[in-house]
Amino acid sequence: MGPYIVLNDGHGVFIPQLWCQSIAEWEAETLGIQWSDVQACQAGPDHAWYWEAWQAILDSASMISDGTTWRLHQDGDLWEVPDTWDWEANGWAD
């Protein structure tokens, strides 16, 4: 099981807003992220704390599915990546 793309980089500066747009307060708590960060991203790229909030979400968000912990990774595209993924072994290292 490897990473999968959530939003491609064609969405540009709107990736944080798009990812956060449907997140409710209870989901933020489940993902381990601050509701205020989600709200800042939902407000869009003109919000004063948009990029700081997004970085906090990238650093903290995790979800568990079928016993696997998934985290967000952004390198232009936004990915969900399992904790077990070995970037180097799979030829994806920078």
Protein backbone atom coordinates (compact mmCIF):
# COMPACT_ATOMS: atom_id res chain seq x y z
CA MET A 1 0.00 0.00 0.00
CA GLY A 2 1.50 3.29 -1.09
CA PRO A 3 0.73 6.98 -1.17
CA TYR A 4 -2.19 8.31 -3.09
CA ILE A 5 -2.85 11.76 -4.43
CA VAL A 6 -5.59 13.78 -2.76
CA LEU A 7 -5.31 17.05 -4.71
CA ASN A 8 -3.00 17.80 -7.60
CA ASP A 9 -0.86 20.90 -7.73
CA GLY A 10 -3.10 22.41 -10.40
CA HIS A 11 -5.20 23.71 -7.50
CA GLY A 12 -2.23 25.84 -6.43
CA VAL A 13 -2.76 28.08 -3.40
CA PHE A 14 -6.27 26.70 -2.93
CA ILE A 15 -5.13 23.19 -1.90
CA PRO A 16 -5.38 23.97 1.84
CA GLN A 17 -8.81 25.54 1.44
CA LEU A 18 -10.10 22.66 -0.68
CA TRP A 19 -8.79 20.01 1.71
CA CYS A 20 -10.31 21.79 4.72
CA GLN A 21 -13.60 22.87 3.17
CA SER A 22 -15.68 19.93 4.37
CA ILE A 23 -13.96 19.27 7.71
CA ALA A 24 -16.20 19.71 10.75
CA GLU A 25 -14.95 20.51 14.24
CA TRP A 26 -15.31 16.90 15.44
CA GLU A 27 -13.30 15.67 12.44
CA ALA A 28 -10.49 18.11 13.20
CA GLU A 29 -10.28 16.65 16.70
CA THR A 30 -10.24 13.11 15.28
CA LEU A 31 -7.41 14.07 12.88
CA GLY A 32 -5.39 15.65 15.70
CA ILE A 33 -5.50 19.16 14.24
CA GLN A 34 -6.64 22.47 15.66
CA TRP A 35 -10.11 23.64 14.66
CA SER A 36 -8.81 27.22 14.43
CA ASP A 37 -6.26 26.07 11.81
CA VAL A 38 -9.02 24.44 9.79
CA GLN A 39 -11.10 27.62 9.98
CA ALA A 40 -8.15 29.74 8.82
CA CYS A 41 -7.69 27.48 5.79
CA GLN A 42 -11.42 27.39 5.08
CA ALA A 43 -11.32 31.21 4.90
CA GLY A 44 -8.93 31.03 1.95
CA PRO A 45 -5.48 32.28 1.01
CA ASP A 46 -6.22 35.90 1.97
CA HIS A 47 -6.52 34.92 5.65
CA ALA A 48 -3.55 36.26 7.64
CA TRP A 49 -2.70 32.83 9.12
CA TYR A 50 -3.54 30.66 6.09
CA TRP A 51 -0.04 29.29 5.43
CA GLU A 52 0.92 28.93 9.09
CA ALA A 53 -2.34 27.07 9.74
CA TRP A 54 -1.75 24.82 6.74
CA GLN A 55 1.75 23.95 7.88
CA ALA A 56 0.39 23.07 11.35
CA ILE A 57 -2.17 20.78 9.69
CA LEU A 58 0.50 19.12 7.53
CA ASP A 59 2.67 18.60 10.62
CA SER A 60 -0.10 17.16 12.82
CA ALA A 61 -2.84 15.49 10.79
CA SER A 62 -3.07 11.72 10.94
CA MET A 63 -5.82 9.24 10.29
CA ILE A 64 -6.06 5.51 10.87
CA SER A 65 -7.67 3.21 8.31
CA ASP A 66 -7.62 -0.58 8.56
CA GLY A 67 -4.84 -0.40 11.14
CA THR A 68 -2.60 1.84 9.01
CA THR A 69 -1.75 5.38 10.05
CA TRP A 70 -1.84 7.88 7.19
CA ARG A 71 -0.33 11.36 7.15
CA LEU A 72 -0.41 14.27 4.73
CA HIS A 73 2.55 15.16 2.55
CA GLN A 74 2.75 18.05 0.11
CA ASP A 75 5.37 18.44 -2.60
CA GLY A 76 3.19 20.49 -4.92
CA ASP A 77 0.57 17.73 -5.04
CA LEU A 78 -1.11 16.78 -1.77
CA TRP A 79 -0.72 13.12 -0.82
CA GLU A 80 -1.93 10.80 1.91
CA VAL A 81 1.00 8.56 2.82
CA PRO A 82 1.04 5.50 5.08
CA ASP A 83 3.54 5.61 7.95
CA THR A 84 5.00 2.36 6.66
CA TRP A 85 5.97 3.89 3.30
CA ASP A 86 9.71 3.82 2.65
CA TRP A 87 10.46 6.72 0.32
CA GLU A 88 13.99 5.59 -0.58
CA ALA A 89 13.18 1.90 -1.08
CA ASN A 90 10.36 2.86 -3.42
CA GLY A 91 12.46 5.31 -5.44
CA TRP A 92 10.59 8.40 -4.29
CA ALA A 93 13.36 10.03 -2.26
CA ASP A 94 14.24 13.65 -3.04
